[in-house]
Amino acid sequence: TIRIPPVLRPSVGGEREVSADGSNVGEVLHSLVDTHAETQDQIFGADGDLNRYVNVYLNDEDVRVLDGLDTPVGERDVLVILPAMAGG
């Protein structure tokens, strides 16, 4: 399961959560992009890594402190996408 933040919901048909397949975080996110192409530039940078303004959490743990896109996922795991917010 991938939890979608409000700012990305228009790119996934307004859904709060979507399901995607994969054995690691990268595969799951690429599965999301395959289904919802508009999310490509919102999630991934030109180099194929996570966009630096996007945080992804696996069961409340930042994947950047785990194994990044190579972090293994299980069937019951939940990914949360959180774009960085700016403001004052």
C-alpha atoms as a PDB file:
ATOM      1  CA  THR A   1       0.000   0.000   0.000  1.00  0.00           C
ATOM      2  CA  ILE A   2       1.203   3.493  -0.839  1.00  0.00           C
ATOM      3  CA  ARG A   3      -0.317   6.442   0.999  1.00  0.00           C
ATOM      4  CA  ILE A   4      -0.621   9.419  -1.307  1.00  0.00           C
ATOM      5  CA  PRO A   5      -0.317  12.986   0.038  1.00  0.00           C
ATOM      6  CA  PRO A   6      -2.926  15.561  -1.017  1.00  0.00           C
ATOM      7  CA  VAL A   7      -0.524  17.319  -3.406  1.00  0.00           C
ATOM      8  CA  LEU A   8      -0.039  14.105  -5.452  1.00  0.00           C
ATOM      9  CA  ARG A   9      -3.641  12.903  -5.409  1.00  0.00           C
ATOM     10  CA  PRO A  10      -4.642  14.616  -8.668  1.00  0.00           C
ATOM     11  CA  SER A  11      -1.941  12.505 -10.381  1.00  0.00           C
ATOM     12  CA  VAL A  12      -3.499   9.260  -9.084  1.00  0.00           C
ATOM     13  CA  GLY A  13      -7.157  10.013  -9.739  1.00  0.00           C
ATOM     14  CA  GLY A  14      -7.760  11.517  -6.310  1.00  0.00           C
ATOM     15  CA  GLU A  15      -6.959   8.332  -4.401  1.00  0.00           C
ATOM     16  CA  ARG A  16      -5.621   8.510  -0.821  1.00  0.00           C
ATOM     17  CA  GLU A  17      -4.030   5.057  -1.109  1.00  0.00           C
ATOM     18  CA  VAL A  18      -3.013   2.899  -4.023  1.00  0.00           C
ATOM     19  CA  SER A  19      -1.634  -0.617  -4.262  1.00  0.00           C
ATOM     20  CA  ALA A  20       1.537  -1.414  -6.150  1.00  0.00           C
ATOM     21  CA  ASP A  21       3.686  -4.496  -6.597  1.00  0.00           C
ATOM     22  CA  GLY A  22       7.393  -4.940  -5.973  1.00  0.00           C
ATOM     23  CA  SER A  23       9.940  -6.574  -3.723  1.00  0.00           C
ATOM     24  CA  ASN A  24      11.676  -3.333  -2.757  1.00  0.00           C
ATOM     25  CA  VAL A  25      10.831   0.357  -2.423  1.00  0.00           C
ATOM     26  CA  GLY A  26      12.157   1.216  -5.898  1.00  0.00           C
ATOM     27  CA  GLU A  27      10.093  -1.484  -7.611  1.00  0.00           C
ATOM     28  CA  VAL A  28       6.947  -0.404  -5.770  1.00  0.00           C
ATOM     29  CA  LEU A  29       7.451   3.252  -6.693  1.00  0.00           C
ATOM     30  CA  HIS A  30       8.216   2.353 -10.323  1.00  0.00           C
ATOM     31  CA  SER A  31       5.029   0.291 -10.363  1.00  0.00           C
ATOM     32  CA  LEU A  32       3.170   3.406  -9.199  1.00  0.00           C
ATOM     33  CA  VAL A  33       4.796   5.442 -11.980  1.00  0.00           C
ATOM     34  CA  ASP A  34       3.936   2.764 -14.566  1.00  0.00           C
ATOM     35  CA  THR A  35       0.273   3.066 -13.583  1.00  0.00           C
ATOM     36  CA  HIS A  36       0.255   6.832 -12.995  1.00  0.00           C
ATOM     37  CA  ALA A  37       2.885   8.375 -15.301  1.00  0.00           C
ATOM     38  CA  GLU A  38       2.223  11.889 -13.986  1.00  0.00           C
ATOM     39  CA  THR A  39       3.965  10.931 -10.738  1.00  0.00           C
ATOM     40  CA  GLN A  40       7.332  10.267 -12.429  1.00  0.00           C
ATOM     41  CA  ASP A  41       8.764  13.783 -12.095  1.00  0.00           C
ATOM     42  CA  GLN A  42       7.143  14.286  -8.714  1.00  0.00           C
ATOM     43  CA  ILE A  43       8.855  11.256  -7.179  1.00  0.00           C
ATOM     44  CA  PHE A  44      12.052  10.697  -9.172  1.00  0.00           C
ATOM     45  CA  GLY A  45      14.814  13.082 -10.193  1.00  0.00           C
ATOM     46  CA  ALA A  46      16.528  13.038 -13.586  1.00  0.00           C
ATOM     47  CA  ASP A  47      19.166  10.653 -12.198  1.00  0.00           C
ATOM     48  CA  GLY A  48      16.518   8.034 -11.320  1.00  0.00           C
ATOM     49  CA  ASP A  49      16.949   8.472  -7.572  1.00  0.00           C
ATOM     50  CA  LEU A  50      14.273   9.872  -5.303  1.00  0.00           C
ATOM     51  CA  ASN A  51      13.628  13.533  -5.924  1.00  0.00           C
ATOM     52  CA  ARG A  52      15.524  15.374  -3.188  1.00  0.00           C
ATOM     53  CA  TYR A  53      12.316  17.141  -2.150  1.00  0.00           C
ATOM     54  CA  VAL A  54      10.463  13.876  -1.560  1.00  0.00           C
ATOM     55  CA  ASN A  55      10.665  11.742   1.553  1.00  0.00           C
ATOM     56  CA  VAL A  56       9.480   8.146   1.493  1.00  0.00           C
ATOM     57  CA  TYR A  57       8.752   6.223   4.658  1.00  0.00           C
ATOM     58  CA  LEU A  58       8.400   2.476   5.035  1.00  0.00           C
ATOM     59  CA  ASN A  59       6.296   1.754   8.107  1.00  0.00           C
ATOM     60  CA  ASP A  60       7.295   5.132   9.625  1.00  0.00           C
ATOM     61  CA  GLU A  61      11.023   4.703   8.861  1.00  0.00           C
ATOM     62  CA  ASP A  62      12.718   7.023   6.337  1.00  0.00           C
ATOM     63  CA  VAL A  63      13.995   4.801   3.517  1.00  0.00           C
ATOM     64  CA  ARG A  64      17.084   7.006   3.160  1.00  0.00           C
ATOM     65  CA  VAL A  65      18.340   5.704   6.529  1.00  0.00           C
ATOM     66  CA  LEU A  66      17.522   2.147   5.466  1.00  0.00           C
ATOM     67  CA  ASP A  67      18.647   0.872   2.052  1.00  0.00           C
ATOM     68  CA  GLY A  68      17.022   3.618  -0.023  1.00  0.00           C
ATOM     69  CA  LEU A  69      15.240   2.335  -3.105  1.00  0.00           C
ATOM     70  CA  ASP A  70      16.721  -1.129  -2.458  1.00  0.00           C
ATOM     71  CA  THR A  71      14.920  -1.438   0.901  1.00  0.00           C
ATOM     72  CA  PRO A  72      12.939  -4.708   0.848  1.00  0.00           C
ATOM     73  CA  VAL A  73       9.168  -4.526   1.292  1.00  0.00           C
ATOM     74  CA  GLY A  74       6.596  -7.115   2.273  1.00  0.00           C
ATOM     75  CA  GLU A  75       2.968  -7.573   1.333  1.00  0.00           C
ATOM     76  CA  ARG A  76       1.658  -5.819   4.464  1.00  0.00           C
ATOM     77  CA  ASP A  77       4.120  -2.919   4.436  1.00  0.00           C
ATOM     78  CA  VAL A  78       2.969   0.661   3.924  1.00  0.00           C
ATOM     79  CA  LEU A  79       4.899   3.323   2.030  1.00  0.00           C
ATOM     80  CA  VAL A  80       4.143   6.967   2.722  1.00  0.00           C
ATOM     81  CA  ILE A  81       5.235   9.639   0.245  1.00  0.00           C
ATOM     82  CA  LEU A  82       5.809  13.063   1.802  1.00  0.00           C
ATOM     83  CA  PRO A  83       6.939  15.938  -0.412  1.00  0.00           C
ATOM     84  CA  ALA A  84       8.954  18.532   1.468  1.00  0.00           C
ATOM     85  CA  MET A  85       7.031  21.702   2.259  1.00  0.00           C
ATOM     86  CA  ALA A  86       8.505  25.191   2.246  1.00  0.00           C
ATOM     87  CA  GLY A  87       7.221  28.234   3.948  1.00  0.00           C
ATOM     88  CA  GLY A  88       7.751  30.645   6.732  1.00  0.00           C
END
